[in-house]
N, C-alpha and C. Protein backbone atom coordinates (compact mmCIF):
# COMPACT_ATOMS: atom_id res chain seq x y z
N MET A 1 75.27 -65.23 74.61
CA MET A 1 74.35 -65.53 73.48
C MET A 1 73.26 -64.79 73.11
N GLN A 2 73.11 -64.42 72.12
CA GLN A 2 71.74 -63.45 71.98
C GLN A 2 70.29 -64.04 71.13
N LEU A 3 69.66 -64.28 71.70
CA LEU A 3 68.42 -64.81 71.29
C LEU A 3 67.48 -63.74 70.38
N GLY A 4 66.82 -64.67 69.61
CA GLY A 4 66.32 -63.66 67.76
C GLY A 4 64.07 -63.21 68.84
N ALA A 5 63.63 -62.83 68.29
CA ALA A 5 62.16 -62.55 68.95
C ALA A 5 61.89 -63.60 69.44
N PHE A 6 60.85 -63.43 70.65
CA PHE A 6 59.59 -63.78 71.55
C PHE A 6 58.70 -62.96 70.52
N SER A 7 57.20 -64.39 71.00
CA SER A 7 56.42 -63.41 70.99
C SER A 7 55.25 -64.73 71.51
N ILE A 8 54.12 -65.36 71.34
CA ILE A 8 53.34 -65.80 72.23
C ILE A 8 52.04 -65.24 70.57
N SER A 9 51.91 -66.76 70.54
CA SER A 9 50.45 -66.37 69.28
C SER A 9 49.50 -67.10 70.33
N LEU A 10 47.57 -65.79 70.37
CA LEU A 10 47.13 -66.29 70.81
C LEU A 10 45.74 -66.50 69.35
N THR A 11 44.66 -67.23 70.02
CA THR A 11 44.07 -67.81 68.81
C THR A 11 42.43 -67.21 69.78
N VAL A 12 41.55 -66.12 69.09
CA VAL A 12 40.90 -65.41 69.62
C VAL A 12 39.74 -66.02 68.86
N LYS A 13 37.99 -65.02 69.68
CA LYS A 13 37.20 -65.31 68.75
C LYS A 13 36.78 -64.94 67.80
N ASP A 14 37.37 -63.09 68.21
CA ASP A 14 36.68 -61.65 67.79
C ASP A 14 37.99 -60.92 66.93
N ILE A 15 38.82 -60.75 66.31
CA ILE A 15 39.61 -60.62 66.06
C ILE A 15 39.70 -59.35 66.44
N ALA A 16 38.99 -58.13 65.79
CA ALA A 16 38.02 -57.10 65.69
C ALA A 16 38.58 -56.57 68.13
N ALA A 17 37.25 -56.99 68.10
CA ALA A 17 37.17 -57.02 69.75
C ALA A 17 38.65 -57.01 71.24
N SER A 18 38.97 -58.34 70.06
CA SER A 18 41.34 -58.08 70.32
C SER A 18 42.03 -57.17 70.29
N ALA A 19 42.06 -56.63 69.63
CA ALA A 19 42.69 -55.21 68.61
C ALA A 19 41.58 -53.99 69.42
N ALA A 20 40.60 -53.72 69.81
CA ALA A 20 40.36 -52.88 71.05
C ALA A 20 40.61 -53.01 71.91
N PHE A 21 40.85 -53.82 72.11
CA PHE A 21 40.72 -54.26 74.14
C PHE A 21 42.59 -54.01 73.90
N TYR A 22 44.09 -55.16 73.41
CA TYR A 22 44.81 -53.74 72.45
C TYR A 22 45.51 -52.33 72.57
N GLU A 23 44.42 -52.34 72.37
CA GLU A 23 44.45 -50.72 71.82
C GLU A 23 44.35 -49.84 73.21
N LYS A 24 43.50 -50.29 74.01
CA LYS A 24 43.84 -49.72 74.99
C LYS A 24 44.39 -50.30 76.12
N LEU A 25 45.63 -50.68 76.23
CA LEU A 25 46.12 -51.61 77.23
C LEU A 25 47.74 -50.10 76.58
N GLY A 26 47.37 -49.93 75.61
CA GLY A 26 48.35 -48.91 74.79
C GLY A 26 48.82 -49.54 74.26
N PHE A 27 48.93 -50.90 73.06
CA PHE A 27 49.50 -51.07 72.13
C PHE A 27 49.36 -50.41 70.59
N ILE A 28 50.78 -50.74 69.76
CA ILE A 28 49.44 -50.74 68.04
C ILE A 28 49.45 -51.89 67.21
N SER A 29 49.26 -52.11 66.10
CA SER A 29 49.54 -52.61 65.20
C SER A 29 50.36 -52.33 64.22
N PHE A 30 51.03 -53.36 64.44
CA PHE A 30 52.82 -53.77 63.80
C PHE A 30 52.37 -53.95 62.23
N GLY A 31 51.97 -55.47 62.71
CA GLY A 31 51.22 -56.27 62.02
C GLY A 31 50.19 -56.94 60.92
N GLY A 32 50.00 -58.14 60.64
CA GLY A 32 48.86 -58.41 59.77
C GLY A 32 48.17 -58.13 59.49
N ASP A 33 46.55 -58.18 59.31
CA ASP A 33 45.81 -58.13 58.05
C ASP A 33 44.86 -58.18 59.16
N ILE A 34 43.75 -57.44 59.19
CA ILE A 34 42.88 -57.44 59.54
C ILE A 34 41.22 -58.65 59.07
N ILE A 35 41.50 -58.27 58.03
CA ILE A 35 40.41 -58.90 56.89
C ILE A 35 40.65 -60.54 57.12
N GLN A 36 42.13 -60.67 57.16
CA GLN A 36 43.13 -62.21 57.05
C GLN A 36 42.93 -62.71 58.50
N ASN A 37 42.36 -62.27 59.32
CA ASN A 37 42.00 -62.56 61.08
C ASN A 37 43.25 -62.79 61.72
N TRP A 38 44.88 -61.98 60.92
CA TRP A 38 45.65 -61.98 61.87
C TRP A 38 45.82 -60.62 62.12
N LEU A 39 47.26 -60.13 63.67
CA LEU A 39 46.79 -59.32 63.94
C LEU A 39 47.98 -59.17 65.49
N ILE A 40 48.88 -58.17 64.82
CA ILE A 40 50.89 -58.14 65.48
C ILE A 40 50.61 -56.46 66.69
N PRO A 41 50.39 -57.24 67.65
CA PRO A 41 50.05 -55.89 68.11
C PRO A 41 51.28 -55.11 68.70
N ARG A 42 51.47 -54.32 69.10
CA ARG A 42 53.15 -54.15 69.86
C ARG A 42 53.14 -53.02 70.56
N THR A 43 53.89 -52.60 72.06
CA THR A 43 54.52 -52.07 73.02
C THR A 43 56.38 -51.98 71.89
N ALA A 44 56.65 -51.63 72.16
CA ALA A 44 57.94 -51.64 72.54
C ALA A 44 58.71 -52.63 73.11
N ARG A 45 58.66 -54.08 73.69
CA ARG A 45 58.95 -55.64 73.52
C ARG A 45 58.24 -55.40 74.49
N PRO A 46 57.73 -56.99 74.92
CA PRO A 46 57.39 -57.68 73.22
C PRO A 46 56.84 -57.86 72.41
N LEU A 47 56.40 -58.95 71.70
CA LEU A 47 55.63 -58.76 70.84
C LEU A 47 53.68 -59.68 71.20
N LEU A 48 53.56 -59.42 70.49
CA LEU A 48 52.04 -60.49 71.37
C LEU A 48 51.02 -60.34 69.56
N ALA A 49 50.91 -61.86 69.36
CA ALA A 49 50.16 -61.83 67.95
C ALA A 49 49.20 -62.59 68.51
N SER A 50 47.38 -62.52 67.68
CA SER A 50 46.61 -63.36 67.92
C SER A 50 45.85 -63.40 66.50
N SER A 51 45.10 -64.19 66.42
CA SER A 51 44.78 -64.41 65.46
C SER A 51 43.16 -65.79 65.92
N ARG A 52 42.18 -65.43 64.38
CA ARG A 52 41.35 -66.57 65.02
C ARG A 52 41.09 -67.24 64.26
N GLY A 53 41.88 -68.41 64.57
CA GLY A 53 42.10 -70.01 63.68
C GLY A 53 43.58 -69.69 64.01
N CYS A 54 44.18 -71.74 63.08
CA CYS A 54 45.30 -71.94 62.94
C CYS A 54 46.10 -71.32 62.11
N LEU A 55 46.97 -70.62 62.82
CA LEU A 55 47.98 -70.25 61.74
C LEU A 55 48.58 -71.65 60.87
N ARG A 56 48.68 -71.62 58.92
CA ARG A 56 49.42 -72.85 58.64
C ARG A 56 51.05 -73.78 58.92
N ARG A 57 51.98 -72.77 59.70
CA ARG A 57 53.23 -73.01 59.68
C ARG A 57 52.83 -73.56 61.16
N THR A 58 51.41 -74.11 62.06
CA THR A 58 51.42 -74.50 63.45
C THR A 58 50.18 -75.43 63.42
N CYS A 59 49.88 -75.09 62.41
CA CYS A 59 48.62 -76.48 62.50
C CYS A 59 49.50 -77.98 62.30
């Protein structure tokens, strides 16, 4: 059986600080929009998503 992508979404207080933190760990921006308060930094695998609030589908 092949599973799809696995990700963990984290709510953060400061999206810019979160982006800077993960960049220091070697992550690169994969998707999202910092203006809309969500980013998806990634390494090779897995993906990690963080947002400053609740995403519509999960609230």
